[in-house]
Protein backbone atom coordinates (compact mmCIF):
# COMPACT_ATOMS: atom_id res chain seq x y z
CA UNK A 1 142.87 -51.43 -26.82
CA UNK A 2 145.61 -51.00 -29.17
CA UNK A 3 146.33 -47.55 -30.57
CA UNK A 4 147.94 -46.54 -33.55
CA UNK A 5 151.68 -45.05 -32.60
CA UNK A 6 151.79 -41.28 -32.44
CA UNK A 7 153.69 -39.69 -35.18
CA UNK A 8 155.28 -36.43 -34.35
CA UNK A 9 156.18 -35.12 -37.87
CA UNK A 10 157.88 -31.97 -36.22
CA UNK A 11 160.22 -34.07 -34.02
CA UNK A 12 163.31 -32.88 -36.30
CA UNK A 13 161.98 -29.44 -36.66
CA UNK A 14 161.13 -28.33 -32.97
CA UNK A 15 164.58 -28.90 -31.50
CA UNK A 16 166.55 -26.88 -34.69
CA UNK A 17 163.76 -24.06 -35.24
CA UNK A 18 166.00 -20.92 -34.94
CA UNK A 19 163.49 -18.63 -32.71
CA UNK A 20 166.23 -16.17 -31.98
CA UNK A 21 165.46 -13.97 -34.77
CA UNK A 22 161.72 -14.77 -34.30
CA UNK A 23 159.45 -11.66 -34.57
CA UNK A 24 156.79 -12.16 -31.89
CA UNK A 25 153.40 -10.83 -32.32
CA UNK A 26 150.50 -10.56 -29.71
CA UNK A 27 146.71 -9.59 -30.37
CA UNK A 28 146.88 -6.67 -27.69
CA UNK A 29 149.16 -3.85 -27.66
CA UNK A 30 152.30 -4.51 -25.98
CA UNK A 31 152.02 -1.61 -23.53
CA UNK A 32 148.04 -2.57 -22.96
CA UNK A 33 148.71 -4.29 -19.70
CA UNK A 34 152.10 -4.48 -18.51
CA UNK A 35 151.48 -7.02 -15.96
CA UNK A 36 149.33 -9.32 -18.15
CA UNK A 37 149.86 -12.40 -19.87
CA UNK A 38 149.65 -12.72 -23.77
CA UNK A 39 149.83 -15.48 -26.31
CA UNK A 40 152.74 -14.49 -28.55
CA UNK A 41 152.96 -15.98 -32.21
CA UNK A 42 155.75 -15.88 -34.62
CA UNK A 43 155.96 -17.25 -38.38
CA UNK A 44 159.33 -18.92 -38.63
CA UNK A 45 160.80 -20.11 -41.94
CA UNK A 46 162.95 -23.36 -41.62
CA UNK A 47 165.56 -24.78 -43.79
CA UNK A 48 163.32 -27.35 -44.93
CA UNK A 49 161.49 -24.62 -46.93
CA UNK A 50 158.39 -24.46 -44.63
CA UNK A 51 157.37 -21.78 -42.47
CA UNK A 52 156.18 -22.76 -39.05
CA UNK A 53 153.97 -21.22 -36.54
CA UNK A 54 155.52 -21.06 -33.02
CA UNK A 55 153.34 -19.91 -30.04
CA UNK A 56 154.39 -19.28 -26.58
CA UNK A 57 153.03 -17.34 -23.20
CA UNK A 58 154.49 -13.78 -22.80
CA UNK A 59 155.65 -14.26 -19.50
CA UNK A 60 157.83 -17.22 -20.36
CA UNK A 61 160.41 -16.49 -22.81
CA UNK A 62 163.57 -17.87 -21.98
CA UNK A 63 165.18 -20.44 -24.34
CA UNK A 64 164.09 -23.46 -22.25
CA UNK A 65 160.45 -22.28 -21.81
CA UNK A 66 157.92 -24.16 -23.84
CA UNK A 67 157.01 -23.03 -27.26
CA UNK A 68 154.34 -24.84 -29.42
CA UNK A 69 155.13 -25.54 -32.89
CA UNK A 70 152.34 -25.86 -35.58
CA UNK A 71 152.56 -26.56 -39.21
CA UNK A 72 150.56 -24.14 -41.46
CA UNK A 73 147.88 -26.62 -41.76
CA UNK A 74 147.76 -27.46 -38.24
CA UNK A 75 147.79 -23.78 -37.39
CA UNK A 76 144.55 -23.17 -39.87
CA UNK A 77 142.85 -25.75 -38.28
CA UNK A 78 143.66 -24.28 -34.92
CA UNK A 79 142.51 -20.61 -35.95
CA UNK A 80 139.28 -21.91 -37.42
CA UNK A 81 138.56 -24.00 -34.09
CA UNK A 82 139.13 -21.09 -32.16
CA UNK A 83 136.60 -19.00 -34.26
CA UNK A 84 134.01 -21.69 -34.15
CA UNK A 85 134.25 -21.45 -30.19
CA UNK A 86 135.75 -24.96 -29.61
CA UNK A 87 138.13 -23.60 -26.74
CA UNK A 88 135.65 -21.76 -25.21
CA UNK A 89 134.98 -22.20 -21.30
CA UNK A 90 131.53 -23.69 -20.68
CA UNK A 91 129.66 -21.57 -18.53
């Protein structure tokens, strides 16, 4: 089966996105569960004039740890999917 090549329109952005000044936010209060893991997001402006949304696990905040990067339209789709239950675990 032939498949179309995957185009990563953020390949040049991801490695050049300056996260050192990112204002990481989480849904829960920071002191709510000091041993817990949280999803953190930051809205990060880039030199290309666009704002990207970065998402990480609060337990992994080192410079080499995984950070997901979304465009604004990808983020909107992700949030709508979460609201619609697309990521809920089946019972």
